[in-house]
């Protein structure tokens, strides 16, 4: 083991017990006030956003990689405390079948209130998205399409859970997430929000989205609630080939956001 970092060798260590709880129970993240970043890519994304984890774990094999060493040294200079653990112990804690060798704990940001969203912002409204992969994909697409604000209903899966962070690929650090939002109230106040719906009155290619105030994506199975749809300006549908019932929520949201971006020129 590298002599430059303190070593943790027992799974009963309080830090490792906390990490195991956060990885295993997504809702524990909000209660504990921390989340887990898995891998060097998320660590790099966080550092590029001007932030650093509070502490982290790594293996000797990971530290031997130049990209990991650079990120660890940079975060260490910003105050991150690093610990080295044996590869076998790291594998027991890792959230994936193929461990990255790098895990770090990030304090969660405070919950932002929806009334802080600027009137000019284009907002992605997400209602009761349950699948972590879908939520992470939607956040990643929002970042890619140039959005800055995402509002989530109380029924969404935990936005800062490790699985969502992995799927988001660093998008969390470029967006402002407004959690536990009353989406119908937000849509009514913000104005010009379009509802994504299979029976939408406009197709994706016809809807005038360039001056829209946002788009609302509903639950994977139930779609949008009646109250949120009623609060939206209008509805938009994505044309599908015969026999195709619907699209994955992440794919549908990405198409809508990039069409908005395209129409803006």
C-alpha atoms as a PDB file:
ATOM      1  CA  UNK A   1       0.000   0.000   0.000  1.00  0.00           C
ATOM      2  CA  UNK A   2       1.008   3.582  -0.614  1.00  0.00           C
ATOM      3  CA  UNK A   3       2.517   5.133   2.485  1.00  0.00           C
ATOM      4  CA  UNK A   4       1.162   8.563   1.590  1.00  0.00           C
ATOM      5  CA  UNK A   5      -2.414   7.787   2.644  1.00  0.00           C
ATOM      6  CA  UNK A   6      -3.924   6.384   5.799  1.00  0.00           C
ATOM      7  CA  UNK A   7      -5.048   2.796   5.418  1.00  0.00           C
ATOM      8  CA  UNK A   8      -8.471   1.356   6.238  1.00  0.00           C
ATOM      9  CA  UNK A   9      -8.597  -2.427   6.481  1.00  0.00           C
ATOM     10  CA  UNK A  10     -11.826  -3.258   8.336  1.00  0.00           C
ATOM     11  CA  UNK A  11     -15.344  -3.022   6.947  1.00  0.00           C
ATOM     12  CA  UNK A  12     -16.462  -2.098  10.481  1.00  0.00           C
ATOM     13  CA  UNK A  13     -14.666   1.224  10.193  1.00  0.00           C
ATOM     14  CA  UNK A  14     -17.308   3.996  10.609  1.00  0.00           C
ATOM     15  CA  UNK A  15     -16.388   5.595   7.294  1.00  0.00           C
ATOM     16  CA  UNK A  16     -16.778   2.342   5.405  1.00  0.00           C
ATOM     17  CA  UNK A  17     -20.038   1.533   7.149  1.00  0.00           C
ATOM     18  CA  UNK A  18     -21.402   4.927   6.104  1.00  0.00           C
ATOM     19  CA  UNK A  19     -20.294   4.407   2.515  1.00  0.00           C
ATOM     20  CA  UNK A  20     -21.898   0.950   2.383  1.00  0.00           C
ATOM     21  CA  UNK A  21     -25.186   2.409   3.639  1.00  0.00           C
ATOM     22  CA  UNK A  22     -25.179   5.195   1.044  1.00  0.00           C
ATOM     23  CA  UNK A  23     -24.463   2.790  -1.810  1.00  0.00           C
ATOM     24  CA  UNK A  24     -27.074   0.290  -0.670  1.00  0.00           C
ATOM     25  CA  UNK A  25     -29.939   2.652   0.207  1.00  0.00           C
ATOM     26  CA  UNK A  26     -30.399   5.670  -2.102  1.00  0.00           C
ATOM     27  CA  UNK A  27     -32.748   7.509   0.279  1.00  0.00           C
ATOM     28  CA  UNK A  28     -30.029   7.298   2.941  1.00  0.00           C
ATOM     29  CA  UNK A  29     -28.070   9.889   0.958  1.00  0.00           C
ATOM     30  CA  UNK A  30     -30.460  12.715   1.756  1.00  0.00           C
ATOM     31  CA  UNK A  31     -30.726  11.659   5.396  1.00  0.00           C
ATOM     32  CA  UNK A  32     -26.949  11.492   5.829  1.00  0.00           C
ATOM     33  CA  UNK A  33     -26.267  14.594   3.728  1.00  0.00           C
ATOM     34  CA  UNK A  34     -23.723  12.804   1.512  1.00  0.00           C
ATOM     35  CA  UNK A  35     -23.585  10.925  -1.742  1.00  0.00           C
ATOM     36  CA  UNK A  36     -20.994   8.658  -3.367  1.00  0.00           C
ATOM     37  CA  UNK A  37     -19.081   9.409  -6.559  1.00  0.00           C
ATOM     38  CA  UNK A  38     -17.925   6.239  -8.309  1.00  0.00           C
ATOM     39  CA  UNK A  39     -14.851   6.530 -10.499  1.00  0.00           C
ATOM     40  CA  UNK A  40     -12.393   9.138 -11.654  1.00  0.00           C
ATOM     41  CA  UNK A  41     -14.665  10.635 -14.338  1.00  0.00           C
ATOM     42  CA  UNK A  42     -17.180  11.922 -11.787  1.00  0.00           C
ATOM     43  CA  UNK A  43     -14.337  13.118  -9.592  1.00  0.00           C
ATOM     44  CA  UNK A  44     -12.841  15.049 -12.514  1.00  0.00           C
ATOM     45  CA  UNK A  45     -16.245  16.543 -13.365  1.00  0.00           C
ATOM     46  CA  UNK A  46     -16.677  17.704  -9.793  1.00  0.00           C
ATOM     47  CA  UNK A  47     -13.218  19.269  -9.732  1.00  0.00           C
ATOM     48  CA  UNK A  48     -13.875  21.043 -13.040  1.00  0.00           C
ATOM     49  CA  UNK A  49     -16.973  22.541 -11.415  1.00  0.00           C
ATOM     50  CA  UNK A  50     -14.784  24.010  -8.689  1.00  0.00           C
ATOM     51  CA  UNK A  51     -15.791  21.546  -5.968  1.00  0.00           C
ATOM     52  CA  UNK A  52     -14.075  18.684  -4.170  1.00  0.00           C
ATOM     53  CA  UNK A  53     -15.215  15.629  -2.178  1.00  0.00           C
ATOM     54  CA  UNK A  54     -14.865  15.538   1.586  1.00  0.00           C
ATOM     55  CA  UNK A  55     -13.031  12.206   1.627  1.00  0.00           C
ATOM     56  CA  UNK A  56     -12.474   9.187  -0.567  1.00  0.00           C
ATOM     57  CA  UNK A  57     -11.218   5.645  -0.921  1.00  0.00           C
ATOM     58  CA  UNK A  58      -8.871   4.185  -3.486  1.00  0.00           C
ATOM     59  CA  UNK A  59      -6.899   1.061  -4.236  1.00  0.00           C
ATOM     60  CA  UNK A  60      -3.204   0.809  -4.992  1.00  0.00           C
ATOM     61  CA  UNK A  61      -3.981  -0.317  -8.536  1.00  0.00           C
ATOM     62  CA  UNK A  62      -6.151   2.732  -9.158  1.00  0.00           C
ATOM     63  CA  UNK A  63      -3.534   5.088  -7.766  1.00  0.00           C
ATOM     64  CA  UNK A  64      -1.022   3.669 -10.240  1.00  0.00           C
ATOM     65  CA  UNK A  65      -3.058   5.167 -13.100  1.00  0.00           C
ATOM     66  CA  UNK A  66      -1.930   8.650 -14.087  1.00  0.00           C
ATOM     67  CA  UNK A  67      -5.461  10.059 -14.484  1.00  0.00           C
ATOM     68  CA  UNK A  68      -6.385   8.897 -10.991  1.00  0.00           C
ATOM     69  CA  UNK A  69      -3.180  10.207  -9.450  1.00  0.00           C
ATOM     70  CA  UNK A  70      -3.726  13.648 -11.018  1.00  0.00           C
ATOM     71  CA  UNK A  71      -7.333  13.847  -9.809  1.00  0.00           C
ATOM     72  CA  UNK A  72      -6.452  12.629  -6.319  1.00  0.00           C
ATOM     73  CA  UNK A  73      -3.585  15.105  -5.988  1.00  0.00           C
ATOM     74  CA  UNK A  74      -5.787  17.958  -7.218  1.00  0.00           C
ATOM     75  CA  UNK A  75      -8.614  17.101  -4.830  1.00  0.00           C
ATOM     76  CA  UNK A  76      -6.190  16.530  -1.957  1.00  0.00           C
ATOM     77  CA  UNK A  77      -4.892  20.067  -2.495  1.00  0.00           C
ATOM     78  CA  UNK A  78      -8.507  21.256  -2.149  1.00  0.00           C
ATOM     79  CA  UNK A  79      -8.911  19.490   1.181  1.00  0.00           C
ATOM     80  CA  UNK A  80     -10.104  15.977   0.281  1.00  0.00           C
ATOM     81  CA  UNK A  81      -8.917  13.326   2.718  1.00  0.00           C
ATOM     82  CA  UNK A  82      -7.983  10.064   0.973  1.00  0.00           C
ATOM     83  CA  UNK A  83      -7.712   6.557   2.373  1.00  0.00           C
ATOM     84  CA  UNK A  84      -6.273   3.464   0.767  1.00  0.00           C
ATOM     85  CA  UNK A  85      -8.080   0.135   1.114  1.00  0.00           C
ATOM     86  CA  UNK A  86      -7.230  -3.405  -0.030  1.00  0.00           C
ATOM     87  CA  UNK A  87      -8.733  -4.374  -3.386  1.00  0.00           C
ATOM     88  CA  UNK A  88     -10.789  -7.182  -1.827  1.00  0.00           C
ATOM     89  CA  UNK A  89     -12.393  -4.799   0.673  1.00  0.00           C
ATOM     90  CA  UNK A  90     -12.996  -2.191  -2.021  1.00  0.00           C
ATOM     91  CA  UNK A  91     -14.825  -4.814  -4.115  1.00  0.00           C
ATOM     92  CA  UNK A  92     -17.192  -5.480  -1.212  1.00  0.00           C
ATOM     93  CA  UNK A  93     -18.085  -1.785  -1.018  1.00  0.00           C
ATOM     94  CA  UNK A  94     -18.167  -0.914  -4.719  1.00  0.00           C
ATOM     95  CA  UNK A  95     -21.586  -0.290  -6.302  1.00  0.00           C
ATOM     96  CA  UNK A  96     -20.697  -2.052  -9.585  1.00  0.00           C
ATOM     97  CA  UNK A  97     -19.554  -5.507 -10.626  1.00  0.00           C
ATOM     98  CA  UNK A  98     -16.337  -4.054 -12.031  1.00  0.00           C
ATOM     99  CA  UNK A  99     -14.989  -1.679  -9.346  1.00  0.00           C
ATOM    100  CA  UNK A 100     -13.399   1.558 -10.500  1.00  0.00           C
ATOM    101  CA  UNK A 101     -10.927   1.662  -7.619  1.00  0.00           C
ATOM    102  CA  UNK A 102     -12.011   5.200  -6.678  1.00  0.00           C
ATOM    103  CA  UNK A 103     -14.956   6.186  -4.469  1.00  0.00           C
ATOM    104  CA  UNK A 104     -15.453   9.603  -2.898  1.00  0.00           C
ATOM    105  CA  UNK A 105     -18.043  11.213  -0.653  1.00  0.00           C
ATOM    106  CA  UNK A 106     -19.583  14.541  -1.551  1.00  0.00           C
ATOM    107  CA  UNK A 107     -21.728  16.638   0.815  1.00  0.00           C
ATOM    108  CA  UNK A 108     -25.141  17.180  -0.760  1.00  0.00           C
ATOM    109  CA  UNK A 109     -26.093  20.711  -1.794  1.00  0.00           C
ATOM    110  CA  UNK A 110     -29.035  22.319   0.000  1.00  0.00           C
ATOM    111  CA  UNK A 111     -32.459  21.701  -1.518  1.00  0.00           C
ATOM    112  CA  UNK A 112     -33.216  24.574  -3.890  1.00  0.00           C
ATOM    113  CA  UNK A 113     -36.691  26.110  -3.984  1.00  0.00           C
ATOM    114  CA  UNK A 114     -38.472  26.443  -7.320  1.00  0.00           C
ATOM    115  CA  UNK A 115     -39.220  30.127  -6.787  1.00  0.00           C
ATOM    116  CA  UNK A 116     -35.523  30.751  -7.433  1.00  0.00           C
ATOM    117  CA  UNK A 117     -35.925  29.719 -11.093  1.00  0.00           C
ATOM    118  CA  UNK A 118     -35.562  32.742 -13.353  1.00  0.00           C
ATOM    119  CA  UNK A 119     -38.536  33.695 -15.522  1.00  0.00           C
ATOM    120  CA  UNK A 120     -36.385  33.469 -18.651  1.00  0.00           C
ATOM    121  CA  UNK A 121     -35.045  29.967 -17.973  1.00  0.00           C
ATOM    122  CA  UNK A 122     -36.091  26.910 -19.993  1.00  0.00           C
ATOM    123  CA  UNK A 123     -36.880  24.314 -17.332  1.00  0.00           C
ATOM    124  CA  UNK A 124     -37.086  20.529 -17.496  1.00  0.00           C
ATOM    125  CA  UNK A 125     -39.953  19.425 -15.231  1.00  0.00           C
ATOM    126  CA  UNK A 126     -39.724  15.784 -14.150  1.00  0.00           C
ATOM    127  CA  UNK A 127     -42.720  14.184 -12.492  1.00  0.00           C
ATOM    128  CA  UNK A 128     -42.288  10.941 -10.522  1.00  0.00           C
ATOM    129  CA  UNK A 129     -39.392   9.553 -12.595  1.00  0.00           C
ATOM    130  CA  UNK A 130     -38.597   6.292 -10.804  1.00  0.00           C
ATOM    131  CA  UNK A 131     -35.747   4.665 -12.687  1.00  0.00           C
ATOM    132  CA  UNK A 132     -32.272   5.953 -11.701  1.00  0.00           C
ATOM    133  CA  UNK A 133     -30.959   5.318 -15.199  1.00  0.00           C
ATOM    134  CA  UNK A 134     -33.769   7.351 -16.754  1.00  0.00           C
ATOM    135  CA  UNK A 135     -33.246  10.226 -14.346  1.00  0.00           C
ATOM    136  CA  UNK A 136     -29.501  10.288 -14.918  1.00  0.00           C
ATOM    137  CA  UNK A 137     -30.009  10.141 -18.693  1.00  0.00           C
ATOM    138  CA  UNK A 138     -32.466  13.043 -18.551  1.00  0.00           C
ATOM    139  CA  UNK A 139     -30.008  15.144 -16.543  1.00  0.00           C
ATOM    140  CA  UNK A 140     -27.184  14.301 -18.931  1.00  0.00           C
ATOM    141  CA  UNK A 141     -29.347  15.230 -21.923  1.00  0.00           C
ATOM    142  CA  UNK A 142     -30.407  18.467 -20.231  1.00  0.00           C
ATOM    143  CA  UNK A 143     -26.779  19.440 -19.808  1.00  0.00           C
ATOM    144  CA  UNK A 144     -25.981  18.477 -23.390  1.00  0.00           C
ATOM    145  CA  UNK A 145     -28.880  20.508 -24.770  1.00  0.00           C
ATOM    146  CA  UNK A 146     -27.824  23.609 -22.865  1.00  0.00           C
ATOM    147  CA  UNK A 147     -30.361  23.664 -20.032  1.00  0.00           C
ATOM    148  CA  UNK A 148     -29.423  24.925 -16.588  1.00  0.00           C
ATOM    149  CA  UNK A 149     -32.530  24.249 -14.486  1.00  0.00           C
ATOM    150  CA  UNK A 150     -34.296  20.964 -13.679  1.00  0.00           C
ATOM    151  CA  UNK A 151     -37.314  20.747 -11.374  1.00  0.00           C
ATOM    152  CA  UNK A 152     -38.213  17.402  -9.789  1.00  0.00           C
ATOM    153  CA  UNK A 153     -41.434  16.359  -8.086  1.00  0.00           C
ATOM    154  CA  UNK A 154     -41.350  14.783  -4.601  1.00  0.00           C
ATOM    155  CA  UNK A 155     -42.130  11.416  -6.211  1.00  0.00           C
ATOM    156  CA  UNK A 156     -38.900  11.259  -8.237  1.00  0.00           C
ATOM    157  CA  UNK A 157     -36.207   8.811  -7.232  1.00  0.00           C
ATOM    158  CA  UNK A 158     -33.391  10.361  -5.192  1.00  0.00           C
ATOM    159  CA  UNK A 159     -31.598  12.691  -7.628  1.00  0.00           C
ATOM    160  CA  UNK A 160     -28.237  12.436  -5.869  1.00  0.00           C
ATOM    161  CA  UNK A 161     -28.199   8.656  -5.464  1.00  0.00           C
ATOM    162  CA  UNK A 162     -24.984   6.987  -6.706  1.00  0.00           C
ATOM    163  CA  UNK A 163     -26.740   5.206  -9.609  1.00  0.00           C
ATOM    164  CA  UNK A 164     -28.239   8.485 -10.839  1.00  0.00           C
ATOM    165  CA  UNK A 165     -24.866  10.193 -10.585  1.00  0.00           C
ATOM    166  CA  UNK A 166     -23.235   7.441 -12.649  1.00  0.00           C
ATOM    167  CA  UNK A 167     -25.899   7.740 -15.347  1.00  0.00           C
ATOM    168  CA  UNK A 168     -25.640  11.546 -15.298  1.00  0.00           C
ATOM    169  CA  UNK A 169     -21.896  11.433 -16.054  1.00  0.00           C
ATOM    170  CA  UNK A 170     -21.170  14.744 -14.336  1.00  0.00           C
ATOM    171  CA  UNK A 171     -24.316  16.626 -15.440  1.00  0.00           C
ATOM    172  CA  UNK A 172     -25.317  17.175 -11.799  1.00  0.00           C
ATOM    173  CA  UNK A 173     -22.443  19.601 -11.343  1.00  0.00           C
ATOM    174  CA  UNK A 174     -23.433  21.737 -14.341  1.00  0.00           C
ATOM    175  CA  UNK A 175     -27.151  21.965 -13.508  1.00  0.00           C
ATOM    176  CA  UNK A 176     -29.214  23.462 -10.720  1.00  0.00           C
ATOM    177  CA  UNK A 177     -31.629  20.841  -9.411  1.00  0.00           C
ATOM    178  CA  UNK A 178     -34.821  22.054  -7.764  1.00  0.00           C
ATOM    179  CA  UNK A 179     -36.167  19.125  -5.745  1.00  0.00           C
ATOM    180  CA  UNK A 180     -39.521  18.396  -4.083  1.00  0.00           C
ATOM    181  CA  UNK A 181     -41.256  20.904  -6.352  1.00  0.00           C
ATOM    182  CA  UNK A 182     -44.967  21.506  -6.780  1.00  0.00           C
ATOM    183  CA  UNK A 183     -44.762  21.117 -10.549  1.00  0.00           C
ATOM    184  CA  UNK A 184     -48.305  22.226 -11.449  1.00  0.00           C
ATOM    185  CA  UNK A 185     -47.747  25.438  -9.496  1.00  0.00           C
ATOM    186  CA  UNK A 186     -44.355  25.935 -11.152  1.00  0.00           C
ATOM    187  CA  UNK A 187     -45.776  25.336 -14.644  1.00  0.00           C
ATOM    188  CA  UNK A 188     -48.606  27.788 -13.994  1.00  0.00           C
ATOM    189  CA  UNK A 189     -46.273  30.440 -12.647  1.00  0.00           C
ATOM    190  CA  UNK A 190     -43.451  29.943 -15.145  1.00  0.00           C
ATOM    191  CA  UNK A 191     -45.736  29.808 -18.187  1.00  0.00           C
ATOM    192  CA  UNK A 192     -45.208  28.366 -21.686  1.00  0.00           C
ATOM    193  CA  UNK A 193     -44.440  24.852 -20.407  1.00  0.00           C
ATOM    194  CA  UNK A 194     -45.205  22.052 -22.861  1.00  0.00           C
ATOM    195  CA  UNK A 195     -46.459  18.663 -21.695  1.00  0.00           C
ATOM    196  CA  UNK A 196     -44.957  15.560 -23.313  1.00  0.00           C
ATOM    197  CA  UNK A 197     -47.871  13.222 -24.080  1.00  0.00           C
ATOM    198  CA  UNK A 198     -48.554  10.384 -26.495  1.00  0.00           C
ATOM    199  CA  UNK A 199     -51.764  12.140 -27.586  1.00  0.00           C
ATOM    200  CA  UNK A 200     -50.199  15.593 -27.767  1.00  0.00           C
ATOM    201  CA  UNK A 201     -51.923  18.196 -29.933  1.00  0.00           C
ATOM    202  CA  UNK A 202     -48.668  19.018 -31.758  1.00  0.00           C
ATOM    203  CA  UNK A 203     -45.964  16.713 -33.048  1.00  0.00           C
ATOM    204  CA  UNK A 204     -42.368  17.288 -32.047  1.00  0.00           C
ATOM    205  CA  UNK A 205     -41.604  18.724 -35.486  1.00  0.00           C
ATOM    206  CA  UNK A 206     -44.566  21.138 -35.402  1.00  0.00           C
ATOM    207  CA  UNK A 207     -44.523  22.446 -31.831  1.00  0.00           C
ATOM    208  CA  UNK A 208     -43.076  25.983 -31.565  1.00  0.00           C
ATOM    209  CA  UNK A 209     -40.606  25.233 -28.778  1.00  0.00           C
ATOM    210  CA  UNK A 210     -38.084  28.003 -29.425  1.00  0.00           C
ATOM    211  CA  UNK A 211     -39.851  30.375 -27.045  1.00  0.00           C
ATOM    212  CA  UNK A 212     -41.144  27.733 -24.643  1.00  0.00           C
ATOM    213  CA  UNK A 213     -40.559  28.054 -20.922  1.00  0.00           C
ATOM    214  CA  UNK A 214     -39.979  24.365 -20.389  1.00  0.00           C
ATOM    215  CA  UNK A 215     -41.079  20.808 -21.048  1.00  0.00           C
ATOM    216  CA  UNK A 216     -42.683  18.350 -18.619  1.00  0.00           C
ATOM    217  CA  UNK A 217     -41.876  14.626 -18.661  1.00  0.00           C
ATOM    218  CA  UNK A 218     -44.030  12.208 -16.676  1.00  0.00           C
ATOM    219  CA  UNK A 219     -43.696   8.908 -14.885  1.00  0.00           C
ATOM    220  CA  UNK A 220     -42.466   5.978 -16.986  1.00  0.00           C
ATOM    221  CA  UNK A 221     -45.771   4.106 -16.696  1.00  0.00           C
ATOM    222  CA  UNK A 222     -48.450   6.635 -15.768  1.00  0.00           C
ATOM    223  CA  UNK A 223     -47.255   9.658 -17.719  1.00  0.00           C
ATOM    224  CA  UNK A 224     -48.104  13.153 -16.503  1.00  0.00           C
ATOM    225  CA  UNK A 225     -50.685  13.791 -13.816  1.00  0.00           C
ATOM    226  CA  UNK A 226     -53.891  15.537 -14.875  1.00  0.00           C
ATOM    227  CA  UNK A 227     -53.046  18.541 -12.704  1.00  0.00           C
ATOM    228  CA  UNK A 228     -49.623  19.092 -14.275  1.00  0.00           C
ATOM    229  CA  UNK A 229     -50.900  18.590 -17.799  1.00  0.00           C
ATOM    230  CA  UNK A 230     -53.692  21.098 -17.161  1.00  0.00           C
ATOM    231  CA  UNK A 231     -51.148  23.646 -15.935  1.00  0.00           C
ATOM    232  CA  UNK A 232     -49.096  23.357 -19.147  1.00  0.00           C
ATOM    233  CA  UNK A 233     -49.540  25.641 -22.143  1.00  0.00           C
ATOM    234  CA  UNK A 234     -50.013  22.786 -24.631  1.00  0.00           C
ATOM    235  CA  UNK A 235     -48.928  19.217 -25.333  1.00  0.00           C
ATOM    236  CA  UNK A 236     -46.411  17.680 -27.716  1.00  0.00           C
ATOM    237  CA  UNK A 237     -46.097  14.130 -29.030  1.00  0.00           C
ATOM    238  CA  UNK A 238     -43.157  12.330 -30.614  1.00  0.00           C
ATOM    239  CA  UNK A 239     -44.245  10.567 -33.840  1.00  0.00           C
ATOM    240  CA  UNK A 240     -43.620   6.822 -33.625  1.00  0.00           C
ATOM    241  CA  UNK A 241     -43.599   3.999 -36.140  1.00  0.00           C
ATOM    242  CA  UNK A 242     -46.730   1.822 -36.235  1.00  0.00           C
ATOM    243  CA  UNK A 243     -46.729  -0.764 -33.460  1.00  0.00           C
ATOM    244  CA  UNK A 244     -44.387   1.239 -31.195  1.00  0.00           C
ATOM    245  CA  UNK A 245     -46.339   2.210 -28.106  1.00  0.00           C
ATOM    246  CA  UNK A 246     -43.925   4.618 -26.431  1.00  0.00           C
ATOM    247  CA  UNK A 247     -40.321   5.649 -25.878  1.00  0.00           C
ATOM    248  CA  UNK A 248     -38.141   5.388 -22.809  1.00  0.00           C
ATOM    249  CA  UNK A 249     -38.574   8.542 -20.692  1.00  0.00           C
ATOM    250  CA  UNK A 250     -34.900   9.408 -21.040  1.00  0.00           C
ATOM    251  CA  UNK A 251     -34.990   9.124 -24.842  1.00  0.00           C
ATOM    252  CA  UNK A 252     -38.241  11.089 -25.146  1.00  0.00           C
ATOM    253  CA  UNK A 253     -36.942  13.866 -22.917  1.00  0.00           C
ATOM    254  CA  UNK A 254     -33.673  14.068 -24.840  1.00  0.00           C
ATOM    255  CA  UNK A 255     -35.504  14.420 -28.172  1.00  0.00           C
ATOM    256  CA  UNK A 256     -37.663  17.234 -26.828  1.00  0.00           C
ATOM    257  CA  UNK A 257     -34.778  19.140 -25.281  1.00  0.00           C
ATOM    258  CA  UNK A 258     -32.592  18.908 -28.364  1.00  0.00           C
ATOM    259  CA  UNK A 259     -35.491  19.966 -30.594  1.00  0.00           C
ATOM    260  CA  UNK A 260     -35.874  23.020 -28.369  1.00  0.00           C
ATOM    261  CA  UNK A 261     -32.148  23.673 -28.757  1.00  0.00           C
ATOM    262  CA  UNK A 262     -32.331  23.204 -32.541  1.00  0.00           C
ATOM    263  CA  UNK A 263     -35.259  25.591 -32.908  1.00  0.00           C
ATOM    264  CA  UNK A 264     -33.384  28.249 -30.978  1.00  0.00           C
ATOM    265  CA  UNK A 265     -30.788  28.106 -33.735  1.00  0.00           C
END
